[in-house]
PDB file of N, CA and C in Angstrom:
ATOM      1  N   UNK A   1      20.848  14.040   0.953  1.00  0.00           N
ATOM      2  CA  UNK A   1      19.717  14.528   1.915  1.00  0.00           C
ATOM      3  C   UNK A   1      19.989  14.525   3.310  1.00  0.00           C
ATOM      4  N   UNK A   2      19.822  15.463   4.134  1.00  0.00           N
ATOM      5  CA  UNK A   2      20.371  15.024   5.671  1.00  0.00           C
ATOM      6  C   UNK A   2      19.778  14.166   6.212  1.00  0.00           C
ATOM      7  N   UNK A   3      20.405  13.771   7.265  1.00  0.00           N
ATOM      8  CA  UNK A   3      19.600  12.738   8.146  1.00  0.00           C
ATOM      9  C   UNK A   3      18.603  13.452   9.032  1.00  0.00           C
ATOM     10  N   UNK A   4      17.546  12.978   9.204  1.00  0.00           N
ATOM     11  CA  UNK A   4      16.305  13.578  10.374  1.00  0.00           C
ATOM     12  C   UNK A   4      17.258  13.626  11.577  1.00  0.00           C
ATOM     13  N   UNK A   5      16.840  14.584  12.143  1.00  0.00           N
ATOM     14  CA  UNK A   5      17.344  14.873  13.850  1.00  0.00           C
ATOM     15  C   UNK A   5      16.154  14.230  14.478  1.00  0.00           C
ATOM     16  N   UNK A   6      16.538  14.116  15.727  1.00  0.00           N
ATOM     17  CA  UNK A   6      15.512  13.515  16.704  1.00  0.00           C
ATOM     18  C   UNK A   6      14.887  14.655  17.417  1.00  0.00           C
ATOM     19  N   UNK A   7      13.748  14.556  17.817  1.00  0.00           N
ATOM     20  CA  UNK A   7      13.298  15.490  18.534  1.00  0.00           C
ATOM     21  C   UNK A   7      12.779  15.149  19.849  1.00  0.00           C
ATOM     22  N   UNK A   8      13.387  15.456  21.043  1.00  0.00           N
ATOM     23  CA  UNK A   8      13.138  14.938  22.369  1.00  0.00           C
ATOM     24  C   UNK A   8      11.525  14.998  22.420  1.00  0.00           C
ATOM     25  N   UNK A   9      11.192  13.559  23.180  1.00  0.00           N
ATOM     26  CA  UNK A   9       9.954  13.673  23.479  1.00  0.00           C
ATOM     27  C   UNK A   9       9.032  13.000  22.486  1.00  0.00           C
ATOM     28  N   UNK A  10       9.450  12.686  21.183  1.00  0.00           N
ATOM     29  CA  UNK A  10       8.824  12.252  20.121  1.00  0.00           C
ATOM     30  C   UNK A  10       9.526  10.962  19.459  1.00  0.00           C
ATOM     31  N   UNK A  11       8.727   9.923  18.805  1.00  0.00           N
ATOM     32  CA  UNK A  11       9.320   8.986  18.337  1.00  0.00           C
ATOM     33  C   UNK A  11       9.828   9.461  16.892  1.00  0.00           C
ATOM     34  N   UNK A  12      10.975   8.856  16.314  1.00  0.00           N
ATOM     35  CA  UNK A  12      11.382   9.418  15.005  1.00  0.00           C
ATOM     36  C   UNK A  12      10.252   9.200  13.997  1.00  0.00           C
ATOM     37  N   UNK A  13      10.057  10.505  13.498  1.00  0.00           N
ATOM     38  CA  UNK A  13       9.059  10.435  12.257  1.00  0.00           C
ATOM     39  C   UNK A  13       7.742  10.886  13.006  1.00  0.00           C
ATOM     40  N   UNK A  14       7.396  11.389  14.131  1.00  0.00           N
ATOM     41  CA  UNK A  14       6.268  11.321  14.636  1.00  0.00           C
ATOM     42  C   UNK A  14       6.113  12.571  15.221  1.00  0.00           C
ATOM     43  N   UNK A  15       7.080  13.446  15.343  1.00  0.00           N
ATOM     44  CA  UNK A  15       7.008  14.834  15.760  1.00  0.00           C
ATOM     45  C   UNK A  15       6.074  15.785  15.102  1.00  0.00           C
ATOM     46  N   UNK A  16       5.201  16.594  15.543  1.00  0.00           N
ATOM     47  CA  UNK A  16       4.189  17.153  14.792  1.00  0.00           C
ATOM     48  C   UNK A  16       4.948  18.419  14.171  1.00  0.00           C
ATOM     49  N   UNK A  17       4.608  18.696  12.865  1.00  0.00           N
ATOM     50  CA  UNK A  17       5.118  19.474  12.174  1.00  0.00           C
ATOM     51  C   UNK A  17       5.515  20.948  12.736  1.00  0.00           C
ATOM     52  N   UNK A  18       4.380  21.319  13.575  1.00  0.00           N
ATOM     53  CA  UNK A  18       4.974  22.637  14.168  1.00  0.00           C
ATOM     54  C   UNK A  18       5.936  22.849  15.106  1.00  0.00           C
ATOM     55  N   UNK A  19       6.180  21.727  15.779  1.00  0.00           N
ATOM     56  CA  UNK A  19       7.190  21.369  16.785  1.00  0.00           C
ATOM     57  C   UNK A  19       8.553  21.457  15.839  1.00  0.00           C
ATOM     58  N   UNK A  20       8.614  20.663  14.509  1.00  0.00           N
ATOM     59  CA  UNK A  20       9.652  20.522  13.839  1.00  0.00           C
ATOM     60  C   UNK A  20      10.084  21.825  13.336  1.00  0.00           C
ATOM     61  N   UNK A  21       9.004  22.824  12.795  1.00  0.00           N
ATOM     62  CA  UNK A  21       9.636  23.785  12.230  1.00  0.00           C
ATOM     63  C   UNK A  21      10.030  25.047  13.165  1.00  0.00           C
ATOM     64  N   UNK A  22       9.258  24.895  14.366  1.00  0.00           N
ATOM     65  CA  UNK A  22       9.800  25.791  15.571  1.00  0.00           C
ATOM     66  C   UNK A  22      11.284  25.444  15.704  1.00  0.00           C
ATOM     67  N   UNK A  23      11.562  24.204  16.035  1.00  0.00           N
ATOM     68  CA  UNK A  23      12.924  23.910  16.679  1.00  0.00           C
ATOM     69  C   UNK A  23      13.963  23.987  15.423  1.00  0.00           C
ATOM     70  N   UNK A  24      13.788  23.610  14.465  1.00  0.00           N
ATOM     71  CA  UNK A  24      14.692  23.476  13.284  1.00  0.00           C
ATOM     72  C   UNK A  24      14.521  24.805  12.267  1.00  0.00           C
ATOM     73  N   UNK A  25      13.958  25.875  12.734  1.00  0.00           N
ATOM     74  CA  UNK A  25      13.587  26.885  11.680  1.00  0.00           C
ATOM     75  C   UNK A  25      14.616  27.549  11.170  1.00  0.00           C
ATOM     76  N   UNK A  26      15.689  27.782  11.674  1.00  0.00           N
ATOM     77  CA  UNK A  26      16.752  28.403  11.078  1.00  0.00           C
ATOM     78  C   UNK A  26      17.630  27.232   9.925  1.00  0.00           C
ATOM     79  N   UNK A  27      17.524  26.042  10.320  1.00  0.00           N
ATOM     80  CA  UNK A  27      18.191  25.203   9.524  1.00  0.00           C
ATOM     81  C   UNK A  27      17.318  24.828   8.216  1.00  0.00           C
ATOM     82  N   UNK A  28      16.004  24.849   8.475  1.00  0.00           N
ATOM     83  CA  UNK A  28      14.941  24.777   7.347  1.00  0.00           C
ATOM     84  C   UNK A  28      14.958  26.080   6.361  1.00  0.00           C
ATOM     85  N   UNK A  29      14.888  27.126   6.927  1.00  0.00           N
ATOM     86  CA  UNK A  29      15.280  28.425   6.317  1.00  0.00           C
ATOM     87  C   UNK A  29      16.540  28.420   5.284  1.00  0.00           C
ATOM     88  N   UNK A  30      17.694  27.839   6.064  1.00  0.00           N
ATOM     89  CA  UNK A  30      18.904  27.787   5.221  1.00  0.00           C
ATOM     90  C   UNK A  30      18.766  26.801   4.176  1.00  0.00           C
ATOM     91  N   UNK A  31      18.312  25.842   4.354  1.00  0.00           N
ATOM     92  CA  UNK A  31      18.196  24.583   3.210  1.00  0.00           C
ATOM     93  C   UNK A  31      17.062  25.318   1.931  1.00  0.00           C
ATOM     94  N   UNK A  32      16.257  25.767   2.477  1.00  0.00           N
ATOM     95  CA  UNK A  32      15.422  26.327   1.457  1.00  0.00           C
ATOM     96  C   UNK A  32      15.915  27.380   0.468  1.00  0.00           C
ATOM     97  N   UNK A  33      16.501  28.080   1.310  1.00  0.00           N
ATOM     98  CA  UNK A  33      17.340  29.240   0.334  1.00  0.00           C
ATOM     99  C   UNK A  33      18.416  28.367  -0.455  1.00  0.00           C
ATOM    100  N   UNK A  34      19.122  27.459   0.083  1.00  0.00           N
ATOM    101  CA  UNK A  34      20.308  26.829  -0.657  1.00  0.00           C
ATOM    102  C   UNK A  34      20.004  26.154  -1.729  1.00  0.00           C
ATOM    103  N   UNK A  35      18.589  25.426  -1.573  1.00  0.00           N
ATOM    104  CA  UNK A  35      17.870  24.526  -2.509  1.00  0.00           C
ATOM    105  C   UNK A  35      17.206  25.123  -3.507  1.00  0.00           C
ATOM    106  N   UNK A  36      16.313  26.040  -3.165  1.00  0.00           N
ATOM    107  CA  UNK A  36      15.494  26.644  -4.114  1.00  0.00           C
ATOM    108  C   UNK A  36      15.599  27.892  -5.026  1.00  0.00           C
ATOM    109  N   UNK A  37      16.420  28.854  -4.231  1.00  0.00           N
ATOM    110  CA  UNK A  37      16.668  29.696  -4.861  1.00  0.00           C
ATOM    111  C   UNK A  37      17.708  29.780  -6.058  1.00  0.00           C
ATOM    112  N   UNK A  38      18.709  29.353  -5.882  1.00  0.00           N
ATOM    113  CA  UNK A  38      19.588  28.901  -7.131  1.00  0.00           C
ATOM    114  C   UNK A  38      18.984  28.511  -8.387  1.00  0.00           C
ATOM    115  N   UNK A  39      18.002  27.453  -8.301  1.00  0.00           N
ATOM    116  CA  UNK A  39      17.411  26.881  -9.297  1.00  0.00           C
ATOM    117  C   UNK A  39      16.290  27.631  -9.810  1.00  0.00           C
ATOM    118  N   UNK A  40      15.438  28.409  -8.935  1.00  0.00           N
ATOM    119  CA  UNK A  40      14.513  29.474  -9.284  1.00  0.00           C
ATOM    120  C   UNK A  40      15.374  30.672 -10.302  1.00  0.00           C
ATOM    121  N   UNK A  41      16.430  31.045 -10.024  1.00  0.00           N
ATOM    122  CA  UNK A  41      17.231  32.076 -10.657  1.00  0.00           C
ATOM    123  C   UNK A  41      17.691  31.668 -12.076  1.00  0.00           C
ATOM    124  N   UNK A  42      17.960  30.482 -12.077  1.00  0.00           N
ATOM    125  CA  UNK A  42      18.421  29.709 -13.156  1.00  0.00           C
ATOM    126  C   UNK A  42      17.401  29.777 -14.312  1.00  0.00           C
ATOM    127  N   UNK A  43      16.265  29.310 -13.814  1.00  0.00           N
ATOM    128  CA  UNK A  43      15.114  29.102 -14.627  1.00  0.00           C
ATOM    129  C   UNK A  43      14.600  30.302 -14.958  1.00  0.00           C
ATOM    130  N   UNK A  44      14.631  31.295 -14.215  1.00  0.00           N
ATOM    131  CA  UNK A  44      14.242  32.702 -14.777  1.00  0.00           C
ATOM    132  C   UNK A  44      15.408  33.140 -15.867  1.00  0.00           C
ATOM    133  N   UNK A  45      16.344  33.246 -15.846  1.00  0.00           N
ATOM    134  CA  UNK A  45      17.365  33.747 -16.575  1.00  0.00           C
ATOM    135  C   UNK A  45      17.376  32.782 -18.016  1.00  0.00           C
ATOM    136  N   UNK A  46      16.932  31.467 -18.001  1.00  0.00           N
ATOM    137  CA  UNK A  46      16.812  30.899 -19.099  1.00  0.00           C
ATOM    138  C   UNK A  46      15.403  31.207 -19.917  1.00  0.00           C
ATOM    139  N   UNK A  47      14.240  31.464 -19.013  1.00  0.00           N
ATOM    140  CA  UNK A  47      13.236  31.588 -19.462  1.00  0.00           C
ATOM    141  C   UNK A  47      13.134  32.739 -20.281  1.00  0.00           C
ATOM    142  N   UNK A  48      13.757  34.005 -19.975  1.00  0.00           N
ATOM    143  CA  UNK A  48      14.045  35.428 -20.409  1.00  0.00           C
ATOM    144  C   UNK A  48      15.134  35.448 -21.478  1.00  0.00           C
ATOM    145  N   UNK A  49      15.923  34.329 -21.498  1.00  0.00           N
ATOM    146  CA  UNK A  49      17.023  34.240 -22.738  1.00  0.00           C
ATOM    147  C   UNK A  49      17.883  35.213 -22.275  1.00  0.00           C
ATOM    148  N   UNK A  50      18.138  35.620 -21.252  1.00  0.00           N
ATOM    149  CA  UNK A  50      19.391  36.601 -20.663  1.00  0.00           C
ATOM    150  C   UNK A  50      20.735  35.755 -20.768  1.00  0.00           C
ATOM    151  N   UNK A  51      21.915  36.575 -21.401  1.00  0.00           N
ATOM    152  CA  UNK A  51      23.151  36.048 -21.396  1.00  0.00           C
ATOM    153  C   UNK A  51      23.696  36.750 -20.063  1.00  0.00           C
ATOM    154  N   UNK A  52      23.562  36.178 -19.030  1.00  0.00           N
ATOM    155  CA  UNK A  52      24.030  36.678 -17.742  1.00  0.00           C
ATOM    156  C   UNK A  52      25.547  36.740 -17.758  1.00  0.00           C
ATOM    157  N   UNK A  53      26.257  37.846 -17.122  1.00  0.00           N
ATOM    158  CA  UNK A  53      27.730  37.659 -16.902  1.00  0.00           C
ATOM    159  C   UNK A  53      28.024  37.752 -15.519  1.00  0.00           C
ATOM    160  N   UNK A  54      28.876  36.640 -14.849  1.00  0.00           N
ATOM    161  CA  UNK A  54      29.101  36.646 -13.480  1.00  0.00           C
ATOM    162  C   UNK A  54      27.843  36.062 -12.734  1.00  0.00           C
ATOM    163  N   UNK A  55      27.999  36.060 -11.495  1.00  0.00           N
ATOM    164  CA  UNK A  55      27.136  35.563 -10.549  1.00  0.00           C
ATOM    165  C   UNK A  55      25.870  36.487 -10.315  1.00  0.00           C
ATOM    166  N   UNK A  56      24.653  36.237 -10.562  1.00  0.00           N
ATOM    167  CA  UNK A  56      23.626  36.867 -10.012  1.00  0.00           C
ATOM    168  C   UNK A  56      23.453  37.363  -8.643  1.00  0.00           C
ATOM    169  N   UNK A  57      23.084  38.827  -8.501  1.00  0.00           N
ATOM    170  CA  UNK A  57      22.917  39.437  -7.284  1.00  0.00           C
ATOM    171  C   UNK A  57      21.420  39.382  -6.709  1.00  0.00           C
ATOM    172  N   UNK A  58      21.107  38.542  -5.764  1.00  0.00           N
ATOM    173  CA  UNK A  58      19.910  38.196  -5.231  1.00  0.00           C
ATOM    174  C   UNK A  58      19.543  39.002  -4.125  1.00  0.00           C
ATOM    175  N   UNK A  59      18.317  39.761  -4.143  1.00  0.00           N
ATOM    176  CA  UNK A  59      17.590  40.522  -3.045  1.00  0.00           C
ATOM    177  C   UNK A  59      16.482  40.019  -2.632  1.00  0.00           C
ATOM    178  N   UNK A  60      16.424  39.726  -1.317  1.00  0.00           N
ATOM    179  CA  UNK A  60      15.146  39.024  -0.787  1.00  0.00           C
ATOM    180  C   UNK A  60      14.086  40.420  -0.792  1.00  0.00           C
ATOM    181  N   UNK A  61      12.639  40.439  -0.987  1.00  0.00           N
ATOM    182  CA  UNK A  61      12.087  41.318  -0.944  1.00  0.00           C
ATOM    183  C   UNK A  61      11.178  41.385   0.193  1.00  0.00           C
ATOM    184  N   UNK A  62      10.740  40.204   0.639  1.00  0.00           N
ATOM    185  CA  UNK A  62       9.933  39.951   1.907  1.00  0.00           C
ATOM    186  C   UNK A  62      10.648  39.258   3.069  1.00  0.00           C
ATOM    187  N   UNK A  63      10.747  39.584   4.245  1.00  0.00           N
ATOM    188  CA  UNK A  63      11.442  38.668   5.286  1.00  0.00           C
ATOM    189  C   UNK A  63      10.316  38.085   6.028  1.00  0.00           C
ATOM    190  N   UNK A  64       9.085  38.396   5.419  1.00  0.00           N
ATOM    191  CA  UNK A  64       7.871  37.651   6.401  1.00  0.00           C
ATOM    192  C   UNK A  64       7.798  36.180   5.679  1.00  0.00           C
ATOM    193  N   UNK A  65       8.138  35.904   4.492  1.00  0.00           N
ATOM    194  CA  UNK A  65       8.316  34.969   3.818  1.00  0.00           C
ATOM    195  C   UNK A  65       9.021  33.920   4.337  1.00  0.00           C
ATOM    196  N   UNK A  66      10.235  34.561   4.854  1.00  0.00           N
ATOM    197  CA  UNK A  66      11.210  33.879   5.552  1.00  0.00           C
ATOM    198  C   UNK A  66      11.007  33.106   7.024  1.00  0.00           C
ATOM    199  N   UNK A  67      10.204  34.408   7.489  1.00  0.00           N
ATOM    200  CA  UNK A  67       9.803  33.952   8.803  1.00  0.00           C
ATOM    201  C   UNK A  67       8.969  32.891   8.993  1.00  0.00           C
ATOM    202  N   UNK A  68       7.956  32.686   7.842  1.00  0.00           N
ATOM    203  CA  UNK A  68       6.792  31.893   7.791  1.00  0.00           C
ATOM    204  C   UNK A  68       6.677  30.858   6.845  1.00  0.00           C
ATOM    205  N   UNK A  69       7.910  30.126   6.735  1.00  0.00           N
ATOM    206  CA  UNK A  69       7.985  29.112   5.575  1.00  0.00           C
ATOM    207  C   UNK A  69       6.753  28.416   5.147  1.00  0.00           C
ATOM    208  N   UNK A  70       6.362  28.211   4.145  1.00  0.00           N
ATOM    209  CA  UNK A  70       5.420  27.326   3.757  1.00  0.00           C
ATOM    210  C   UNK A  70       3.736  27.953   4.017  1.00  0.00           C
ATOM    211  N   UNK A  71       3.968  29.359   4.759  1.00  0.00           N
ATOM    212  CA  UNK A  71       2.686  29.937   4.862  1.00  0.00           C
ATOM    213  C   UNK A  71       2.698  31.114   3.979  1.00  0.00           C
ATOM    214  N   UNK A  72       3.619  31.999   3.786  1.00  0.00           N
ATOM    215  CA  UNK A  72       3.782  33.057   2.890  1.00  0.00           C
ATOM    216  C   UNK A  72       4.876  32.749   1.831  1.00  0.00           C
ATOM    217  N   UNK A  73       4.654  33.310   0.576  1.00  0.00           N
ATOM    218  CA  UNK A  73       5.447  33.343  -0.570  1.00  0.00           C
ATOM    219  C   UNK A  73       6.753  34.125  -0.219  1.00  0.00           C
ATOM    220  N   UNK A  74       7.764  33.568  -0.825  1.00  0.00           N
ATOM    221  CA  UNK A  74       8.919  34.442  -0.765  1.00  0.00           C
ATOM    222  C   UNK A  74       9.265  34.899  -1.922  1.00  0.00           C
ATOM    223  N   UNK A  75       9.480  36.365  -1.902  1.00  0.00           N
ATOM    224  CA  UNK A  75       9.780  36.903  -3.212  1.00  0.00           C
ATOM    225  C   UNK A  75      11.065  37.599  -3.061  1.00  0.00           C
ATOM    226  N   UNK A  76      11.820  37.595  -4.358  1.00  0.00           N
ATOM    227  CA  UNK A  76      13.000  38.229  -4.360  1.00  0.00           C
ATOM    228  C   UNK A  76      13.155  38.827  -6.013  1.00  0.00           C
ATOM    229  N   UNK A  77      14.213  39.642  -6.131  1.00  0.00           N
ATOM    230  CA  UNK A  77      14.627  40.097  -7.277  1.00  0.00           C
ATOM    231  C   UNK A  77      16.109  39.753  -7.452  1.00  0.00           C
ATOM    232  N   UNK A  78      16.576  39.595  -8.848  1.00  0.00           N
ATOM    233  CA  UNK A  78      17.733  39.646  -9.076  1.00  0.00           C
ATOM    234  C   UNK A  78      18.481  40.465 -10.361  1.00  0.00           C
ATOM    235  N   UNK A  79      19.370  40.842  -9.943  1.00  0.00           N
ATOM    236  CA  UNK A  79      20.350  41.815 -10.777  1.00  0.00           C
ATOM    237  C   UNK A  79      21.280  41.072 -11.495  1.00  0.00           C
ATOM    238  N   UNK A  80      21.352  41.033 -12.779  1.00  0.00           N
ATOM    239  CA  UNK A  80      22.634  40.459 -13.312  1.00  0.00           C
ATOM    240  C   UNK A  80      23.257  41.445 -14.429  1.00  0.00           C
ATOM    241  N   UNK A  81      24.573  41.244 -14.684  1.00  0.00           N
ATOM    242  CA  UNK A  81      25.144  42.028 -15.729  1.00  0.00           C
ATOM    243  C   UNK A  81      25.161  41.431 -17.143  1.00  0.00           C
ATOM    244  N   UNK A  82      24.852  42.163 -18.204  1.00  0.00           N
ATOM    245  CA  UNK A  82      24.710  41.341 -19.230  1.00  0.00           C
ATOM    246  C   UNK A  82      25.579  42.474 -20.527  1.00  0.00           C
ATOM    247  N   UNK A  83      25.928  41.884 -21.385  1.00  0.00           N
ATOM    248  CA  UNK A  83      26.527  42.348 -22.429  1.00  0.00           C
ATOM    249  C   UNK A  83      25.545  43.346 -23.270  1.00  0.00           C
ATOM    250  N   UNK A  84      25.919  44.516 -23.401  1.00  0.00           N
ATOM    251  CA  UNK A  84      24.867  45.474 -24.084  1.00  0.00           C
ATOM    252  C   UNK A  84      24.626  45.145 -25.687  1.00  0.00           C
ATOM    253  N   UNK A  85      23.550  45.261 -25.952  1.00  0.00           N
ATOM    254  CA  UNK A  85      23.190  45.210 -27.592  1.00  0.00           C
ATOM    255  C   UNK A  85      23.673  46.315 -28.437  1.00  0.00           C
ATOM    256  N   UNK A  86      24.706  45.992 -29.075  1.00  0.00           N
ATOM    257  CA  UNK A  86      25.491  47.071 -29.941  1.00  0.00           C
ATOM    258  C   UNK A  86      24.793  47.017 -31.337  1.00  0.00           C
ATOM    259  N   UNK A  87      24.241  48.194 -31.634  1.00  0.00           N
ATOM    260  CA  UNK A  87      23.924  48.183 -33.258  1.00  0.00           C
ATOM    261  C   UNK A  87      25.092  49.238 -33.779  1.00  0.00           C
ATOM    262  N   UNK A  88      25.625  48.601 -34.768  1.00  0.00           N
ATOM    263  CA  UNK A  88      26.607  49.541 -35.378  1.00  0.00           C
ATOM    264  C   UNK A  88      25.849  50.460 -36.411  1.00  0.00           C
ATOM    265  N   UNK A  89      26.052  51.604 -36.342  1.00  0.00           N
ATOM    266  CA  UNK A  89      25.604  52.754 -37.668  1.00  0.00           C
ATOM    267  C   UNK A  89      26.356  52.429 -38.875  1.00  0.00           C
ATOM    268  N   UNK A  90      26.218  53.394 -39.718  1.00  0.00           N
ATOM    269  CA  UNK A  90      26.479  53.677 -40.991  1.00  0.00           C
ATOM    270  C   UNK A  90      28.045  54.291 -40.695  1.00  0.00           C
ATOM    271  N   UNK A  91      29.117  53.248 -41.242  1.00  0.00           N
ATOM    272  CA  UNK A  91      30.671  53.621 -40.940  1.00  0.00           C
ATOM    273  C   UNK A  91      31.183  53.981 -42.119  1.00  0.00           C
ATOM    274  N   UNK A  92      30.339  53.909 -43.545  1.00  0.00           N
ATOM    275  CA  UNK A  92      31.068  54.191 -44.877  1.00  0.00           C
ATOM    276  C   UNK A  92      31.034  55.570 -45.187  1.00  0.00           C
ATOM    277  N   UNK A  93      32.019  56.270 -45.809  1.00  0.00           N
ATOM    278  CA  UNK A  93      31.766  57.640 -45.869  1.00  0.00           C
ATOM    279  C   UNK A  93      32.297  58.515 -44.827  1.00  0.00           C
ATOM    280  N   UNK A  94      32.874  57.917 -43.877  1.00  0.00           N
ATOM    281  CA  UNK A  94      33.451  58.818 -42.544  1.00  0.00           C
ATOM    282  C   UNK A  94      34.875  59.166 -43.005  1.00  0.00           C
ATOM    283  N   UNK A  95      35.200  60.440 -42.622  1.00  0.00           N
ATOM    284  CA  UNK A  95      36.662  60.845 -42.786  1.00  0.00           C
ATOM    285  C   UNK A  95      37.807  60.151 -41.895  1.00  0.00           C
ATOM    286  N   UNK A  96      38.739  59.831 -42.573  1.00  0.00           N
ATOM    287  CA  UNK A  96      39.462  59.267 -41.615  1.00  0.00           C
ATOM    288  C   UNK A  96      40.576  60.032 -40.951  1.00  0.00           C
TER     289      UNK A  96
END
């Protein structure tokens, strides 16, 4: 876990949440995306029993959620490549 940064004018651990969010918004956003999204993607892949090939492609659907962390939900969609489900037809009796 990263070490907490000090906020000028406040004792450590006593800065108002709104001040911390405003001052460290970009770092908070990056941390949230890096920590939560990969786990959510892997959980969804496992829940739907998808045999994903390669890395999933993540597309954020709403930037409002990123701009208002903790106030708006973050929604996204994921595209993954999967092996096709191939069903073999009747092969006996075909001319060679």
